[in-house]
Amino acid sequence: MRDDGAMPARKPKKSPPRVRFGKNIFSQRTKRRLTQEKLAEKTGLSVRYVQSIEAGEYLPSLPTLARLKSALRCDWNELFGGCDRV
């Protein structure tokens, strides 16, 4: 996956761990009272990519995960909690 905030040409199928991860991102974002637009701005991602992550369509690369973690001021467990259970 490209790390410039652009989405790949084809949308992958959703998987339960990606959907759970997306819910975790949504939860942390709303807990911090951030809009998708504000989170996108803080991380340098596109709003559409943030929406796709929250929808469970994509799991970001490690550098993007680190930017999300930093912008959301949370730990790895808060981002990945429940992702290992299918």
C-alpha atoms as a PDB file:
ATOM      1  CA  MET A   1       0.000   0.000   0.000  1.00  0.00           C
ATOM      2  CA  ARG A   2       1.196   3.487  -0.751  1.00  0.00           C
ATOM      3  CA  ASP A   3       2.043   5.614   2.252  1.00  0.00           C
ATOM      4  CA  ASP A   4       1.181   8.971   0.679  1.00  0.00           C
ATOM      5  CA  GLY A   5      -2.447   8.820   1.793  1.00  0.00           C
ATOM      6  CA  ALA A   6      -3.650   7.681  -1.625  1.00  0.00           C
ATOM      7  CA  MET A   7      -5.739   4.547  -1.846  1.00  0.00           C
ATOM      8  CA  PRO A   8      -4.886   1.581  -4.042  1.00  0.00           C
ATOM      9  CA  ALA A   9      -6.837   1.171  -7.276  1.00  0.00           C
ATOM     10  CA  ARG A  10      -8.853  -1.836  -6.086  1.00  0.00           C
ATOM     11  CA  LYS A  11     -10.761  -2.018  -2.830  1.00  0.00           C
ATOM     12  CA  PRO A  12      -9.972  -5.192  -0.857  1.00  0.00           C
ATOM     13  CA  LYS A  13     -12.662  -7.280   0.792  1.00  0.00           C
ATOM     14  CA  LYS A  14     -13.423  -6.427   4.413  1.00  0.00           C
ATOM     15  CA  SER A  15     -12.125  -8.804   7.057  1.00  0.00           C
ATOM     16  CA  PRO A  16     -13.213  -9.022  10.724  1.00  0.00           C
ATOM     17  CA  PRO A  17      -9.827  -7.819  12.087  1.00  0.00           C
ATOM     18  CA  ARG A  18      -9.845  -4.783   9.738  1.00  0.00           C
ATOM     19  CA  VAL A  19     -13.438  -3.975  10.688  1.00  0.00           C
ATOM     20  CA  ARG A  20     -12.527  -4.193  14.403  1.00  0.00           C
ATOM     21  CA  PHE A  21      -9.476  -1.998  13.814  1.00  0.00           C
ATOM     22  CA  GLY A  22     -11.665   0.555  12.014  1.00  0.00           C
ATOM     23  CA  LYS A  23     -14.074   0.604  14.953  1.00  0.00           C
ATOM     24  CA  ASN A  24     -11.140   1.172  17.296  1.00  0.00           C
ATOM     25  CA  ILE A  25      -9.925   4.121  15.202  1.00  0.00           C
ATOM     26  CA  PHE A  26     -13.464   5.549  15.175  1.00  0.00           C
ATOM     27  CA  SER A  27     -13.749   5.098  18.945  1.00  0.00           C
ATOM     28  CA  GLN A  28     -10.417   6.804  19.654  1.00  0.00           C
ATOM     29  CA  ARG A  29     -11.178   9.611  17.194  1.00  0.00           C
ATOM     30  CA  THR A  30     -14.587  10.382  18.712  1.00  0.00           C
ATOM     31  CA  LYS A  31     -13.163  10.066  22.235  1.00  0.00           C
ATOM     32  CA  ARG A  32     -10.712  12.840  21.297  1.00  0.00           C
ATOM     33  CA  ARG A  33     -13.539  14.829  19.652  1.00  0.00           C
ATOM     34  CA  LEU A  34     -11.810  14.825  16.296  1.00  0.00           C
ATOM     35  CA  THR A  35     -13.607  14.847  12.979  1.00  0.00           C
ATOM     36  CA  GLN A  36     -12.352  12.639  10.159  1.00  0.00           C
ATOM     37  CA  GLU A  37     -11.175  15.824   8.476  1.00  0.00           C
ATOM     38  CA  LYS A  38      -9.155  16.901  11.524  1.00  0.00           C
ATOM     39  CA  LEU A  39      -7.607  13.438  11.914  1.00  0.00           C
ATOM     40  CA  ALA A  40      -6.711  13.443   8.223  1.00  0.00           C
ATOM     41  CA  GLU A  41      -5.089  16.853   8.621  1.00  0.00           C
ATOM     42  CA  LYS A  42      -3.096  15.766  11.702  1.00  0.00           C
ATOM     43  CA  THR A  43      -1.818  12.615   9.983  1.00  0.00           C
ATOM     44  CA  GLY A  44      -1.320  13.901   6.444  1.00  0.00           C
ATOM     45  CA  LEU A  45      -3.815  11.375   5.072  1.00  0.00           C
ATOM     46  CA  SER A  46      -6.784  12.011   2.822  1.00  0.00           C
ATOM     47  CA  VAL A  47     -10.226  12.175   4.419  1.00  0.00           C
ATOM     48  CA  ARG A  48     -11.376   9.394   2.102  1.00  0.00           C
ATOM     49  CA  TYR A  49      -8.535   7.149   3.297  1.00  0.00           C
ATOM     50  CA  VAL A  50      -9.466   7.796   6.948  1.00  0.00           C
ATOM     51  CA  GLN A  51     -13.074   6.905   6.059  1.00  0.00           C
ATOM     52  CA  SER A  52     -11.881   3.694   4.380  1.00  0.00           C
ATOM     53  CA  ILE A  53      -9.813   2.713   7.415  1.00  0.00           C
ATOM     54  CA  GLU A  54     -12.784   3.262   9.728  1.00  0.00           C
ATOM     55  CA  ALA A  55     -14.991   1.239   7.365  1.00  0.00           C
ATOM     56  CA  GLY A  56     -12.604  -1.716   7.652  1.00  0.00           C
ATOM     57  CA  GLU A  57     -11.510  -1.575   4.035  1.00  0.00           C
ATOM     58  CA  TYR A  58      -7.809  -1.012   4.686  1.00  0.00           C
ATOM     59  CA  LEU A  59      -5.193  -1.714   7.319  1.00  0.00           C
ATOM     60  CA  PRO A  60      -2.577   1.056   7.107  1.00  0.00           C
ATOM     61  CA  SER A  61       1.170   0.569   6.772  1.00  0.00           C
ATOM     62  CA  LEU A  62       3.340   0.749   9.888  1.00  0.00           C
ATOM     63  CA  PRO A  63       4.420   4.401   9.321  1.00  0.00           C
ATOM     64  CA  THR A  64       0.763   5.397   8.884  1.00  0.00           C
ATOM     65  CA  LEU A  65      -0.213   3.425  11.992  1.00  0.00           C
ATOM     66  CA  ALA A  66       2.432   5.335  13.950  1.00  0.00           C
ATOM     67  CA  ARG A  67       1.028   8.654  12.691  1.00  0.00           C
ATOM     68  CA  LEU A  68      -2.512   7.607  13.658  1.00  0.00           C
ATOM     69  CA  LYS A  69      -1.329   6.488  17.112  1.00  0.00           C
ATOM     70  CA  SER A  70       0.440   9.796  17.651  1.00  0.00           C
ATOM     71  CA  ALA A  71      -2.486  11.922  16.432  1.00  0.00           C
ATOM     72  CA  LEU A  72      -4.956   9.972  18.585  1.00  0.00           C
ATOM     73  CA  ARG A  73      -2.655   9.988  21.623  1.00  0.00           C
ATOM     74  CA  CYS A  74      -3.376   6.351  22.411  1.00  0.00           C
ATOM     75  CA  ASP A  75      -1.414   3.151  22.839  1.00  0.00           C
ATOM     76  CA  TRP A  76      -1.126   0.162  20.531  1.00  0.00           C
ATOM     77  CA  ASN A  77      -3.573  -1.878  22.622  1.00  0.00           C
ATOM     78  CA  GLU A  78      -6.263   0.752  22.113  1.00  0.00           C
ATOM     79  CA  LEU A  79      -5.715   0.606  18.355  1.00  0.00           C
ATOM     80  CA  PHE A  80      -5.550  -3.184  18.024  1.00  0.00           C
ATOM     81  CA  GLY A  81      -7.756  -4.346  20.917  1.00  0.00           C
ATOM     82  CA  GLY A  82      -9.988  -7.197  19.763  1.00  0.00           C
ATOM     83  CA  CYS A  83      -8.395  -7.430  16.314  1.00  0.00           C
ATOM     84  CA  ASP A  84      -7.008 -10.896  16.983  1.00  0.00           C
ATOM     85  CA  ARG A  85     -10.445 -12.352  17.734  1.00  0.00           C
ATOM     86  CA  VAL A  86     -12.386 -13.418  14.671  1.00  0.00           C
END
